[in-house]
Amino acid sequence: MVEVKPITITDAIVDGRNPIREWITKQTKVDQARILARLDQAEEGNFGKYRNLSGGLLELKFNTGHRIYAGRKGDTFLLLLVGGDKSGGKKGQNKDIVRARDIWAAYLEAQ
């Protein structure tokens, strides 16, 4: 049996703002509930459907098209960076990834 380790999840703060929580509050109540439930699962070590991007960056995928970009450091820490969806197509998704990479790089540099 595979041991699942709990994860500490923290929100990135950028220039005094919290991009992930701002994005979550713009979603419908139903989608907010789905997103928060998924983050609860991630805290238990279950990321569900996700994709590893380079440099410790993860893309948590939802069947609704929503995406959460997070930085992963080791097995026990996840920094929530930005959220997005597929409504802007590949271009919008790439913009979200670039923004997440920038925030993640700044975080790692400050460590």
C-alpha atoms as a PDB file:
ATOM      1  CA  MET A   1       0.000   0.000   0.000  1.00  0.00           C
ATOM      2  CA  VAL A   2       1.327   3.431  -0.953  1.00  0.00           C
ATOM      3  CA  GLU A   3       1.703   5.878   1.903  1.00  0.00           C
ATOM      4  CA  VAL A   4       0.128   9.253   1.175  1.00  0.00           C
ATOM      5  CA  LYS A   5       1.700  12.192   2.980  1.00  0.00           C
ATOM      6  CA  PRO A   6      -0.325  15.237   3.996  1.00  0.00           C
ATOM      7  CA  ILE A   7       0.577  18.394   2.085  1.00  0.00           C
ATOM      8  CA  THR A   8       0.851  21.924   3.457  1.00  0.00           C
ATOM      9  CA  ILE A   9      -0.950  24.232   1.037  1.00  0.00           C
ATOM     10  CA  THR A  10      -0.293  27.963   1.063  1.00  0.00           C
ATOM     11  CA  ASP A  11      -1.516  30.767  -1.187  1.00  0.00           C
ATOM     12  CA  ALA A  12       1.002  32.939  -3.007  1.00  0.00           C
ATOM     13  CA  ILE A  13       0.754  36.621  -2.118  1.00  0.00           C
ATOM     14  CA  VAL A  14       1.804  38.926  -4.959  1.00  0.00           C
ATOM     15  CA  ASP A  15       2.108  42.663  -4.299  1.00  0.00           C
ATOM     16  CA  GLY A  16      -0.228  42.285  -1.327  1.00  0.00           C
ATOM     17  CA  ARG A  17      -2.834  40.408  -3.382  1.00  0.00           C
ATOM     18  CA  ASN A  18      -3.888  36.768  -3.362  1.00  0.00           C
ATOM     19  CA  PRO A  19      -4.357  35.790  -7.046  1.00  0.00           C
ATOM     20  CA  ILE A  20      -5.724  32.293  -6.403  1.00  0.00           C
ATOM     21  CA  ARG A  21      -8.411  33.426  -3.915  1.00  0.00           C
ATOM     22  CA  GLU A  22      -9.373  36.339  -6.169  1.00  0.00           C
ATOM     23  CA  TRP A  23      -9.841  33.866  -9.027  1.00  0.00           C
ATOM     24  CA  ILE A  24     -11.825  31.421  -6.877  1.00  0.00           C
ATOM     25  CA  THR A  25     -14.258  34.130  -5.726  1.00  0.00           C
ATOM     26  CA  LYS A  26     -15.032  34.972  -9.391  1.00  0.00           C
ATOM     27  CA  GLN A  27     -16.275  31.418 -10.035  1.00  0.00           C
ATOM     28  CA  THR A  28     -19.849  30.217  -9.594  1.00  0.00           C
ATOM     29  CA  LYS A  29     -20.778  28.855  -6.174  1.00  0.00           C
ATOM     30  CA  VAL A  30     -20.868  25.319  -7.596  1.00  0.00           C
ATOM     31  CA  ASP A  31     -17.417  25.683  -9.125  1.00  0.00           C
ATOM     32  CA  GLN A  32     -16.082  27.246  -5.920  1.00  0.00           C
ATOM     33  CA  ALA A  33     -17.279  24.196  -3.995  1.00  0.00           C
ATOM     34  CA  ARG A  34     -15.599  21.849  -6.525  1.00  0.00           C
ATOM     35  CA  ILE A  35     -12.346  23.789  -6.369  1.00  0.00           C
ATOM     36  CA  LEU A  36     -12.251  23.918  -2.564  1.00  0.00           C
ATOM     37  CA  ALA A  37     -13.094  20.208  -2.319  1.00  0.00           C
ATOM     38  CA  ARG A  38     -10.234  19.447  -4.699  1.00  0.00           C
ATOM     39  CA  LEU A  39      -7.840  21.524  -2.591  1.00  0.00           C
ATOM     40  CA  ASP A  40      -8.988  19.589   0.487  1.00  0.00           C
ATOM     41  CA  GLN A  41      -8.104  16.362  -1.360  1.00  0.00           C
ATOM     42  CA  ALA A  42      -4.712  17.792  -2.307  1.00  0.00           C
ATOM     43  CA  GLU A  43      -4.027  18.530   1.374  1.00  0.00           C
ATOM     44  CA  GLU A  44      -4.446  14.819   1.977  1.00  0.00           C
ATOM     45  CA  GLY A  45      -1.861  14.102  -0.735  1.00  0.00           C
ATOM     46  CA  ASN A  46      -4.355  13.265  -3.504  1.00  0.00           C
ATOM     47  CA  PHE A  47      -3.884  15.685  -6.416  1.00  0.00           C
ATOM     48  CA  GLY A  48      -6.363  13.932  -8.675  1.00  0.00           C
ATOM     49  CA  LYS A  49      -5.893  14.692 -12.364  1.00  0.00           C
ATOM     50  CA  TYR A  50      -2.815  16.870 -12.809  1.00  0.00           C
ATOM     51  CA  ARG A  51       0.136  17.493 -15.071  1.00  0.00           C
ATOM     52  CA  ASN A  52       3.748  18.109 -14.086  1.00  0.00           C
ATOM     53  CA  LEU A  53       5.170  21.163 -15.776  1.00  0.00           C
ATOM     54  CA  SER A  54       8.895  21.877 -15.554  1.00  0.00           C
ATOM     55  CA  GLY A  55      10.635  23.306 -12.502  1.00  0.00           C
ATOM     56  CA  GLY A  56       8.245  22.029  -9.852  1.00  0.00           C
ATOM     57  CA  LEU A  57       5.168  23.601 -11.413  1.00  0.00           C
ATOM     58  CA  LEU A  58       1.913  21.594 -11.422  1.00  0.00           C
ATOM     59  CA  GLU A  59      -1.335  22.075 -13.309  1.00  0.00           C
ATOM     60  CA  LEU A  60      -4.320  20.675 -11.400  1.00  0.00           C
ATOM     61  CA  LYS A  61      -6.993  19.879 -14.001  1.00  0.00           C
ATOM     62  CA  PHE A  62     -10.755  19.889 -13.581  1.00  0.00           C
ATOM     63  CA  ASN A  63     -13.291  18.277 -15.932  1.00  0.00           C
ATOM     64  CA  THR A  64     -14.987  21.684 -16.155  1.00  0.00           C
ATOM     65  CA  GLY A  65     -11.902  23.127 -17.880  1.00  0.00           C
ATOM     66  CA  HIS A  66     -10.694  24.974 -14.806  1.00  0.00           C
ATOM     67  CA  ARG A  67      -7.004  24.834 -13.962  1.00  0.00           C
ATOM     68  CA  ILE A  68      -5.017  25.651 -10.840  1.00  0.00           C
ATOM     69  CA  TYR A  69      -1.307  26.241 -11.165  1.00  0.00           C
ATOM     70  CA  ALA A  70       0.808  25.485  -8.133  1.00  0.00           C
ATOM     71  CA  GLY A  71       4.436  25.145  -7.218  1.00  0.00           C
ATOM     72  CA  ARG A  72       5.507  21.977  -5.473  1.00  0.00           C
ATOM     73  CA  LYS A  73       8.543  21.886  -3.226  1.00  0.00           C
ATOM     74  CA  GLY A  74       9.420  18.419  -2.002  1.00  0.00           C
ATOM     75  CA  ASP A  75       6.691  16.005  -1.000  1.00  0.00           C
ATOM     76  CA  THR A  76       5.022  18.153   1.616  1.00  0.00           C
ATOM     77  CA  PHE A  77       4.556  21.717   0.321  1.00  0.00           C
ATOM     78  CA  LEU A  78       2.317  23.219  -2.353  1.00  0.00           C
ATOM     79  CA  LEU A  79       2.095  26.941  -3.137  1.00  0.00           C
ATOM     80  CA  LEU A  80      -1.104  27.941  -4.960  1.00  0.00           C
ATOM     81  CA  LEU A  81      -0.204  30.451  -7.652  1.00  0.00           C
ATOM     82  CA  VAL A  82      -2.995  31.248 -10.126  1.00  0.00           C
ATOM     83  CA  GLY A  83      -6.179  29.796 -11.547  1.00  0.00           C
ATOM     84  CA  GLY A  84      -7.604  29.816 -15.025  1.00  0.00           C
ATOM     85  CA  ASP A  85      -9.698  27.906 -17.491  1.00  0.00           C
ATOM     86  CA  LYS A  86      -9.722  26.866 -21.104  1.00  0.00           C
ATOM     87  CA  SER A  87     -12.126  29.609 -22.213  1.00  0.00           C
ATOM     88  CA  GLY A  88      -9.275  31.644 -23.713  1.00  0.00           C
ATOM     89  CA  GLY A  89      -8.063  28.605 -25.620  1.00  0.00           C
ATOM     90  CA  LYS A  90      -4.410  27.644 -25.767  1.00  0.00           C
ATOM     91  CA  LYS A  91      -3.373  31.309 -25.722  1.00  0.00           C
ATOM     92  CA  GLY A  92      -5.200  32.012 -22.441  1.00  0.00           C
ATOM     93  CA  GLN A  93      -3.897  28.826 -20.877  1.00  0.00           C
ATOM     94  CA  ASN A  94      -0.315  29.663 -21.899  1.00  0.00           C
ATOM     95  CA  LYS A  95      -0.717  33.136 -20.367  1.00  0.00           C
ATOM     96  CA  ASP A  96      -1.797  31.530 -17.071  1.00  0.00           C
ATOM     97  CA  ILE A  97       1.214  29.188 -17.162  1.00  0.00           C
ATOM     98  CA  VAL A  98       3.628  32.069 -17.812  1.00  0.00           C
ATOM     99  CA  ARG A  99       2.135  34.032 -14.910  1.00  0.00           C
ATOM    100  CA  ALA A 100       2.394  30.981 -12.634  1.00  0.00           C
ATOM    101  CA  ARG A 101       6.029  30.423 -13.677  1.00  0.00           C
ATOM    102  CA  ASP A 102       6.880  34.053 -12.897  1.00  0.00           C
ATOM    103  CA  ILE A 103       5.312  33.905  -9.430  1.00  0.00           C
ATOM    104  CA  TRP A 104       6.928  30.529  -8.692  1.00  0.00           C
ATOM    105  CA  ALA A 105      10.370  31.762  -9.827  1.00  0.00           C
ATOM    106  CA  ALA A 106      10.063  34.866  -7.614  1.00  0.00           C
ATOM    107  CA  TYR A 107       9.081  32.670  -4.661  1.00  0.00           C
ATOM    108  CA  LEU A 108      12.033  30.313  -5.165  1.00  0.00           C
ATOM    109  CA  GLU A 109      14.428  33.220  -5.557  1.00  0.00           C
ATOM    110  CA  ALA A 110      13.260  34.715  -2.262  1.00  0.00           C
ATOM    111  CA  GLN A 111      13.883  31.449  -0.399  1.00  0.00           C
END
